[in-house]
Protein backbone atom coordinates (compact mmCIF):
# COMPACT_ATOMS: atom_id res chain seq x y z
CA MET A 1 10.79 20.99 -25.32
CA SER A 2 7.06 20.29 -25.46
CA LYS A 3 4.40 22.93 -25.08
CA SER A 4 3.22 21.37 -21.85
CA ALA A 5 6.75 21.56 -20.44
CA LYS A 6 6.95 25.26 -21.30
CA THR A 7 3.66 26.14 -19.70
CA SER A 8 3.82 23.86 -16.64
CA PRO A 9 4.79 25.82 -13.52
CA GLN A 10 7.95 24.38 -11.96
CA PRO A 11 8.73 26.65 -9.01
CA GLU A 12 10.85 25.03 -6.31
CA ARG A 13 8.46 26.00 -3.53
CA PHE A 14 9.09 22.83 -1.55
CA SER A 15 12.21 21.08 -0.32
CA VAL A 16 12.46 17.29 -0.55
CA GLY A 17 11.81 17.09 3.19
CA GLN A 18 8.65 19.12 2.80
CA LEU A 19 7.52 16.88 -0.07
CA VAL A 20 8.00 13.83 2.14
CA SER A 21 5.95 15.51 4.88
CA ILE A 22 3.17 16.38 2.43
CA GLY A 23 3.21 12.79 1.18
CA LEU A 24 2.97 11.53 4.78
CA LEU A 25 -0.01 13.75 5.60
CA THR A 26 -1.81 12.81 2.39
CA ARG A 27 -1.14 9.13 2.96
CA LEU A 28 -2.54 9.46 6.49
CA LEU A 29 -5.90 10.40 4.99
CA ILE A 30 -5.71 7.80 2.22
CA ASP A 31 -4.70 5.00 4.60
CA THR A 32 -7.37 5.94 7.14
CA GLY A 33 -9.87 5.64 4.31
CA VAL A 34 -8.49 2.23 3.38
CA GLN A 35 -8.58 0.89 6.96
CA ILE A 36 -11.89 2.46 7.96
CA PHE A 37 -13.90 -0.43 6.52
CA PHE A 38 -12.41 -3.09 8.78
CA PRO A 39 -13.46 -2.03 12.30
CA PHE A 40 -16.60 -0.15 11.22
CA LEU A 41 -17.90 -2.52 8.57
CA LYS A 42 -21.09 -3.39 10.43
CA VAL A 43 -21.84 0.21 11.40
CA MET A 44 -21.51 1.34 7.79
CA ALA A 45 -23.57 -1.57 6.47
CA ASN A 46 -26.40 -0.77 8.89
CA GLY A 47 -26.27 2.89 7.96
CA ILE A 48 -26.48 2.20 4.23
CA GLY A 49 -29.21 -0.40 4.73
CA ILE A 50 -27.37 -3.48 3.49
CA THR A 51 -26.08 -6.64 5.16
CA THR A 52 -22.52 -7.13 6.35
CA VAL A 53 -22.15 -9.89 3.75
CA GLU A 54 -23.05 -7.41 1.00
CA MET A 55 -20.68 -4.86 2.50
CA GLY A 56 -17.94 -7.48 2.55
CA ARG A 57 -18.49 -8.10 -1.15
CA LEU A 58 -18.12 -4.39 -1.79
CA ILE A 59 -14.76 -4.46 0.01
CA SER A 60 -13.67 -7.34 -2.23
CA LEU A 61 -14.75 -5.27 -5.23
CA ARG A 62 -12.68 -2.41 -3.86
CA SER A 63 -9.59 -4.60 -3.68
CA SER A 64 -10.00 -5.70 -7.30
CA MET A 65 -9.65 -2.08 -8.42
CA GLY A 66 -5.95 -2.33 -7.60
CA LEU A 67 -5.53 -4.21 -10.88
CA LEU A 68 -5.91 -0.84 -12.61
CA ALA A 69 -2.79 0.53 -10.90
CA PRO A 70 -0.39 -0.41 -13.76
CA LEU A 71 -2.53 1.55 -16.24
CA PHE A 72 -2.24 4.66 -14.09
CA GLY A 73 1.50 3.98 -13.93
CA VAL A 74 1.68 4.09 -17.72
CA LEU A 75 -0.37 7.30 -17.70
CA ALA A 76 2.03 8.80 -15.14
CA ASP A 77 5.04 7.90 -17.28
CA ARG A 78 3.39 9.77 -20.17
CA LYS A 79 1.56 12.67 -18.52
CA GLY A 80 3.63 13.10 -15.37
CA ASN A 81 3.37 11.89 -11.79
CA ARG A 82 1.90 15.13 -10.50
CA PHE A 83 -1.00 14.93 -12.97
CA VAL A 84 -1.90 11.36 -11.96
CA MET A 85 -1.53 12.07 -8.22
CA ARG A 86 -4.00 14.95 -8.47
CA LEU A 87 -6.35 12.89 -10.62
CA GLY A 88 -6.26 10.05 -8.08
CA LEU A 89 -6.89 12.39 -5.15
CA PHE A 90 -9.89 14.02 -6.83
CA ILE A 91 -11.39 10.66 -7.86
CA ALA A 92 -10.93 9.24 -4.36
CA ALA A 93 -12.40 12.38 -2.81
CA GLY A 94 -15.49 12.09 -4.98
CA GLY A 95 -15.81 8.44 -4.02
CA TYR A 96 -15.76 9.10 -0.28
CA LEU A 97 -18.25 11.96 -0.60
CA LEU A 98 -20.57 9.75 -2.65
CA LEU A 99 -20.22 6.97 -0.08
CA GLY A 100 -21.07 9.46 2.65
CA VAL A 101 -24.45 10.25 1.08
CA SER A 102 -25.24 6.72 -0.13
CA THR A 103 -28.47 5.09 1.00
CA ASN A 104 -28.46 1.89 -1.04
CA LEU A 105 -26.17 -0.83 -2.37
CA TRP A 106 -25.60 0.72 -5.78
CA THR A 107 -24.57 4.21 -4.70
CA ALA A 108 -22.37 2.69 -1.98
CA ALA A 109 -20.75 0.43 -4.57
CA MET A 110 -20.04 3.38 -6.87
CA GLY A 111 -18.56 5.38 -4.00
CA ILE A 112 -16.34 2.51 -2.89
CA VAL A 113 -15.19 1.79 -6.45
CA LEU A 114 -14.28 5.45 -7.05
CA SER A 115 -12.47 5.73 -3.72
CA ALA A 116 -10.50 2.59 -4.59
CA ILE A 117 -9.61 3.69 -8.13
CA GLY A 118 -8.38 7.04 -6.86
CA SER A 119 -6.41 5.51 -4.00
CA PHE A 120 -4.69 2.91 -6.19
CA ALA A 121 -3.89 5.59 -8.77
CA PHE A 122 -2.35 7.83 -6.11
CA LEU A 123 -0.37 5.42 -3.90
CA PRO A 124 2.17 3.93 -6.36
CA THR A 125 2.45 7.24 -8.22
CA LEU A 126 3.41 9.03 -5.00
CA GLN A 127 6.11 6.40 -4.44
CA ALA A 128 7.41 6.94 -7.97
CA TYR A 129 7.28 10.73 -7.60
CA LEU A 130 9.25 10.79 -4.35
CA SER A 131 11.67 8.14 -5.65
CA ALA A 132 12.51 10.41 -8.59
CA ARG A 133 13.43 13.26 -6.22
CA LEU A 134 15.15 11.22 -3.51
CA PRO A 135 18.71 10.02 -4.18
CA TYR A 136 18.81 6.24 -4.05
CA ALA A 137 21.29 6.40 -1.15
CA LYS A 138 18.64 8.21 0.93
CA ARG A 139 15.49 6.75 -0.56
CA ALA A 140 14.69 4.18 2.14
CA ARG A 141 14.70 6.95 4.74
CA GLY A 142 12.33 9.18 2.77
CA LEU A 143 9.93 6.46 1.66
CA GLY A 144 10.09 4.82 5.08
CA ILE A 145 8.89 8.05 6.68
CA VAL A 146 5.96 8.22 4.27
CA GLU A 147 5.07 4.63 5.21
CA TYR A 148 4.62 5.74 8.83
CA ALA A 149 1.17 6.75 7.59
CA TRP A 150 -0.14 3.18 7.56
CA ALA A 151 0.67 2.68 11.23
CA LEU A 152 -0.44 6.17 12.24
CA SER A 153 -3.75 5.76 10.44
CA GLY A 154 -4.40 2.71 12.60
CA ILE A 155 -3.24 4.41 15.79
CA ILE A 156 -4.57 7.95 15.30
CA GLY A 157 -6.82 7.97 12.25
CA LEU A 158 -9.16 5.16 13.27
CA PHE A 159 -9.31 6.45 16.84
CA LEU A 160 -10.51 9.85 15.60
CA VAL A 161 -12.95 8.18 13.23
CA GLY A 162 -14.37 6.20 16.14
CA GLN A 163 -14.85 9.39 18.15
CA LEU A 164 -16.57 11.12 15.23
CA ILE A 165 -18.91 8.17 14.75
CA GLU A 166 -19.64 8.06 18.48
CA PHE A 167 -20.69 11.75 18.62
CA THR A 168 -22.20 12.09 15.12
CA ASN A 169 -22.61 9.21 12.67
CA TRP A 170 -20.54 7.11 10.26
CA ARG A 171 -21.10 9.53 7.36
CA VAL A 172 -19.22 12.47 8.90
CA PRO A 173 -15.75 10.81 8.64
CA MET A 174 -16.44 10.19 4.93
CA PHE A 175 -17.03 13.91 4.42
CA PHE A 176 -13.85 14.75 6.34
CA ILE A 177 -11.77 12.32 4.29
CA GLY A 178 -13.31 13.44 0.99
CA GLY A 179 -12.86 17.11 1.80
CA GLY A 180 -9.29 16.54 2.94
CA LEU A 181 -8.38 14.74 -0.28
CA PHE A 182 -9.87 17.56 -2.37
CA PHE A 183 -7.69 19.98 -0.37
CA TRP A 184 -4.52 18.00 -1.03
CA GLY A 185 -5.46 17.59 -4.69
CA ALA A 186 -5.46 21.39 -4.94
CA VAL A 187 -2.16 21.71 -3.05
CA TYR A 188 -0.45 19.19 -5.34
CA HIS A 189 -0.93 21.61 -8.25
CA TRP A 190 1.93 23.63 -6.77
CA LEU A 191 4.30 20.72 -6.24
CA PRO A 192 7.43 20.74 -8.44
CA THR A 193 7.98 18.17 -11.13
CA SER A 194 10.43 15.36 -10.40
CA ASN A 195 14.13 15.98 -11.00
CA VAL A 196 14.29 13.09 -13.45
CA ASP A 197 10.61 12.93 -14.36
CA TRP A 198 11.20 12.69 -18.10
CA ALA A 199 7.47 12.27 -18.67
CA GLU A 200 6.89 15.87 -17.61
CA THR A 201 9.72 17.34 -19.65
CA GLU A 202 10.11 15.23 -22.78
CA PRO A 203 7.90 15.51 -25.87
CA LYS A 204 5.35 12.77 -26.37
CA LYS A 205 5.57 10.52 -29.39
CA THR A 206 2.49 10.32 -31.54
CA GLY A 207 1.21 7.49 -33.66
CA SER A 208 -1.69 5.17 -34.26
CA LYS A 209 -3.88 4.68 -31.22
CA LYS A 210 -5.30 1.38 -32.44
CA PHE A 211 -4.67 -1.67 -30.30
CA GLN A 212 -1.55 -3.53 -31.28
CA PHE A 213 -0.12 -6.71 -29.74
CA GLY A 214 3.30 -5.10 -30.04
CA ARG A 215 2.21 -2.42 -27.60
CA LEU A 216 0.96 -5.05 -25.20
CA LYS A 217 4.34 -6.75 -25.43
CA THR A 218 6.05 -3.40 -24.83
CA PHE A 219 3.93 -2.87 -21.72
CA PHE A 220 5.36 -6.03 -20.15
CA ASP A 221 8.92 -5.31 -21.31
CA LEU A 222 10.85 -4.00 -18.31
CA GLY A 223 14.12 -3.50 -20.18
CA GLU A 224 17.57 -4.95 -19.66
CA ASN A 225 16.98 -5.50 -15.95
CA ARG A 226 13.75 -7.41 -16.59
CA ARG A 227 14.77 -10.59 -14.75
CA SER A 228 15.56 -8.72 -11.56
CA ALA A 229 12.49 -6.50 -11.95
CA TRP A 230 10.02 -9.35 -12.43
CA SER A 231 11.69 -11.30 -9.62
CA ASN A 232 11.32 -8.30 -7.31
CA LEU A 233 7.64 -8.04 -8.27
CA THR A 234 7.20 -11.73 -7.46
CA VAL A 235 8.76 -11.09 -4.06
CA SER A 236 6.19 -8.35 -3.46
CA ALA A 237 3.34 -10.78 -4.18
CA LEU A 238 4.81 -13.50 -1.94
CA VAL A 239 5.41 -11.13 0.98
CA MET A 240 1.86 -9.73 0.79
CA PHE A 241 0.42 -13.24 0.52
CA ALA A 242 2.39 -14.47 3.53
CA ALA A 243 1.36 -11.53 5.70
CA THR A 244 -2.30 -11.39 4.70
CA ASN A 245 -2.64 -15.15 5.19
CA LEU A 246 -2.02 -14.47 8.89
CA PHE A 247 -3.52 -11.00 9.30
CA ILE A 248 -6.88 -11.97 7.83
CA THR A 249 -7.20 -14.78 10.39
CA TYR A 250 -5.72 -13.41 13.61
CA GLY A 251 -9.02 -11.81 14.69
CA THR A 252 -10.89 -15.09 14.29
CA TRP A 253 -8.00 -16.94 15.99
CA LEU A 254 -7.92 -14.70 19.07
CA GLU A 255 -11.70 -14.44 19.34
CA SER A 256 -12.30 -18.18 19.07
CA GLU A 257 -9.40 -19.40 21.21
CA TYR A 258 -9.33 -16.66 23.86
CA ASN A 259 -12.94 -15.36 23.77
CA LEU A 260 -11.97 -11.78 22.97
CA GLY A 261 -14.61 -9.13 22.44
CA PRO A 262 -14.47 -6.13 20.07
CA SER A 263 -12.96 -3.76 22.65
CA ILE A 264 -10.01 -6.05 23.39
CA LEU A 265 -9.52 -6.72 19.68
CA GLY A 266 -9.32 -2.94 19.28
CA ILE A 267 -6.48 -2.84 21.80
CA VAL A 268 -4.75 -5.66 19.91
CA ALA A 269 -5.10 -3.59 16.70
CA LEU A 270 -3.45 -0.67 18.51
CA VAL A 271 -0.53 -2.89 19.56
CA LEU A 272 -0.11 -4.10 15.99
CA GLY A 273 -0.21 -0.50 14.76
CA VAL A 274 2.69 0.32 17.08
CA SER A 275 4.51 -2.73 15.70
CA ASP A 276 3.94 -1.43 12.15
CA LEU A 277 5.35 1.94 13.14
CA ILE A 278 8.48 0.41 14.66
CA GLY A 279 9.10 -1.55 11.45
CA SER A 280 8.77 1.57 9.28
CA VAL A 281 10.97 3.64 11.59
CA LEU A 282 13.71 1.01 11.41
CA VAL A 283 13.62 1.18 7.61
CA SER A 284 14.07 4.94 7.59
CA ALA A 285 16.84 4.63 10.19
CA ILE A 286 19.03 1.81 8.83
CA SER A 287 18.02 0.49 5.40
CA ASP A 288 19.97 3.09 3.43
CA ARG A 289 23.13 2.20 5.34
CA VAL A 290 22.86 -1.58 5.19
CA GLY A 291 21.32 -1.66 1.70
CA LYS A 292 17.73 -2.14 0.57
CA ARG A 293 18.29 -5.65 -0.80
CA ARG A 294 20.02 -6.77 2.38
CA SER A 295 17.20 -5.26 4.41
CA VAL A 296 14.61 -7.20 2.41
CA ILE A 297 16.59 -10.42 2.91
CA PHE A 298 17.15 -9.82 6.62
CA GLY A 299 13.56 -8.70 7.25
CA GLY A 300 12.21 -11.57 5.19
CA PHE A 301 14.21 -14.08 7.22
CA LEU A 302 12.98 -12.59 10.52
CA THR A 303 9.40 -12.69 9.23
CA PHE A 304 9.88 -16.31 8.17
CA VAL A 305 11.07 -17.18 11.68
CA GLY A 306 8.20 -15.21 13.24
CA PHE A 307 5.58 -17.07 11.21
CA LEU A 308 7.20 -20.43 11.88
CA LEU A 309 7.24 -19.86 15.65
CA LEU A 310 3.61 -18.71 15.93
CA PRO A 311 2.37 -22.08 17.29
CA LEU A 312 4.95 -21.87 20.10
CA PHE A 313 3.60 -18.44 21.13
CA ASN A 314 0.01 -19.69 21.09
CA VAL A 315 -0.05 -20.80 24.75
CA SER A 316 -1.99 -17.83 26.17
CA LEU A 317 -3.27 -14.47 25.01
CA ILE A 318 -0.32 -12.21 25.76
CA PRO A 319 2.34 -14.48 24.19
CA ALA A 320 0.07 -14.98 21.15
CA VAL A 321 -0.28 -11.21 20.65
CA ILE A 322 3.47 -10.79 21.13
CA GLY A 323 4.10 -13.43 18.47
CA ILE A 324 1.77 -11.74 15.99
CA ALA A 325 3.30 -8.33 16.75
CA LEU A 326 6.86 -9.58 16.19
CA ALA A 327 5.91 -11.17 12.88
CA ARG A 328 4.03 -8.06 11.80
CA GLY A 329 6.86 -5.70 12.71
CA ALA A 330 9.33 -7.82 10.73
CA PHE A 331 6.89 -7.91 7.80
CA GLU A 332 6.51 -4.13 7.84
CA PHE A 333 10.29 -3.72 7.82
CA THR A 334 10.50 -6.09 4.84
CA VAL A 335 7.73 -4.62 2.74
CA VAL A 336 8.80 -1.00 3.30
CA SER A 337 12.46 -1.84 2.54
CA ASN A 338 11.29 -3.40 -0.72
CA ILE A 339 9.62 -0.19 -1.96
CA PRO A 340 12.86 1.73 -2.70
CA LEU A 341 14.39 -1.45 -4.14
CA LEU A 342 11.45 -1.73 -6.53
CA SER A 343 11.67 1.95 -7.41
CA GLU A 344 15.14 1.63 -8.96
CA GLN A 345 14.69 -1.61 -10.91
CA VAL A 346 13.49 0.24 -14.05
CA PRO A 347 14.03 3.99 -13.49
CA GLN A 348 12.86 4.84 -17.02
CA GLN A 349 9.47 3.21 -16.30
CA ARG A 350 9.30 3.89 -12.58
CA SER A 351 5.61 4.81 -12.36
CA LYS A 352 4.55 1.75 -14.36
CA MET A 353 6.83 -0.44 -12.24
CA MET A 354 5.29 0.81 -9.00
CA GLY A 355 1.82 0.36 -10.45
CA ILE A 356 2.56 -3.24 -11.41
CA ALA A 357 3.99 -3.79 -7.92
CA THR A 358 0.69 -2.61 -6.44
CA ALA A 359 -1.19 -5.07 -8.66
CA PHE A 360 1.16 -7.92 -7.72
CA GLY A 361 0.75 -7.14 -4.03
CA LEU A 362 -3.00 -7.09 -4.49
CA GLY A 363 -2.82 -10.47 -6.21
CA GLY A 364 -1.01 -11.94 -3.23
CA THR A 365 -3.55 -10.37 -0.88
CA ALA A 366 -6.48 -11.70 -2.91
CA VAL A 367 -5.13 -15.27 -2.88
CA ALA A 368 -4.51 -15.05 0.87
CA GLY A 369 -8.09 -13.92 1.36
CA LEU A 370 -9.13 -17.32 0.02
CA THR A 371 -6.46 -19.45 1.70
CA GLY A 372 -6.18 -17.87 5.16
CA PRO A 373 -9.62 -18.61 6.63
CA TRP A 374 -9.71 -22.09 5.07
CA VAL A 375 -6.24 -23.05 6.32
CA TYR A 376 -7.06 -21.84 9.84
CA GLU A 377 -10.31 -23.81 9.83
CA GLN A 378 -8.56 -26.97 8.69
CA PHE A 379 -5.15 -26.77 10.40
CA ASN A 380 -5.43 -23.97 12.97
CA VAL A 381 -2.43 -21.78 13.85
CA PRO A 382 0.28 -24.31 12.80
CA GLY A 383 -1.18 -24.48 9.28
CA VAL A 384 -1.35 -20.69 8.94
CA GLY A 385 2.18 -20.28 10.28
CA VAL A 386 3.73 -22.91 8.01
CA LEU A 387 2.04 -21.62 4.85
CA SER A 388 3.05 -18.02 5.56
CA ALA A 389 6.59 -19.10 6.48
CA THR A 390 6.91 -21.07 3.23
CA ALA A 391 5.94 -18.03 1.15
CA MET A 392 8.44 -15.87 3.05
CA ALA A 393 11.20 -18.45 2.53
CA LEU A 394 10.55 -18.36 -1.22
CA SER A 395 10.69 -14.56 -1.22
CA VAL A 396 14.07 -14.59 0.56
CA LEU A 397 15.52 -17.16 -1.86
CA ILE A 398 14.30 -15.25 -4.91
CA THR A 399 15.81 -12.02 -3.56
CA LEU A 400 19.11 -13.79 -2.89
CA TRP A 401 19.35 -15.44 -6.31
CA LEU A 402 17.61 -13.14 -8.77
CA VAL A 403 17.04 -9.62 -7.47
CA ARG A 404 19.79 -7.09 -8.12
CA GLU A 405 20.41 -3.79 -6.40
CA PRO A 406 21.84 -0.87 -8.41
CA GLU A 407 25.60 -0.77 -8.02
CA PHE A 408 25.75 2.95 -7.43
CA ALA A 409 24.70 5.61 -4.97
CA ASP A 410 23.23 8.47 -6.96
CA ALA A 411 23.45 12.01 -5.76
């Protein structure tokens, strides 16, 4: 046993249910921080003293930081999930506090970059940490509950942020988020190690630290289940591309075709947040029983149908919003069901696998950021719907043909 394993405190102060609850509360802060830039972009840009175009570029820079997620996954597999989660929370906290005091482009950029690095270090590592403690037969329920945070941050978090900005200014929510993340970073010191977190209990191998192509090859080697693992990662990218291709354009679509103002778009965002929540709740309720792979296939097919039928819903405002909400709920069910499936593809490299999945999802999102607005401008809603539906169809076929689910139910 290594020295670090002997000295690391491992008291079982928390049950698995409590760990899931702590993960949910932490994610609520993290996800509110992620979503805060969308509705309040102009307010923040004006407060910093930059243009909305410059602020938009900073958000693009933030997204690119997700490419670092696999490196933090490797670090987690070596140093332990708890170490990387705390590191990510402290980095993100520092980023939000720096953003809160920024008065120019450069300090704002540094704050946004730090908040992004910390968030992308924390998110996949939390998934790996909880996956290691949750039996696979119950993993969709536990991880699905944690994913409620994304919907709740849109429903509750952004509402509270709006109230804070209304009565104070845009900087105060940054201080609240930063302070909250520092608090959770301290709390995570007392969390137990994972039941099968070999990185926190096994001795580390030493050797030359010089760059070697063999090590690069090893990084991309996902073991005997590599075909299924890489296929599952490809599915993640396709699903995120398909969804973002629509979600990045629906505001422009509704505003241009139905003359919606910001207040009504805010109500639409609330409806979509409820749709997200329903999708996550369904995962935690049924995906363990029907199987994660089957859930991904079923949800992917429903999302495919939802995207394909969007032009038929686009006859007036209410049907259009209903169509978007149905597609979004099905997407949320699909993407959340895929998280536990990803988590068991390579259990020995779980943190790295979840980090790579984050990078793949980001890649799909980044491509959609380029295609979505252009496709809508050229082909309107039918073009957006067909492109998103095509990507979802590919994801379903890949899952059917190439992705395997573990043939066991661990205890």
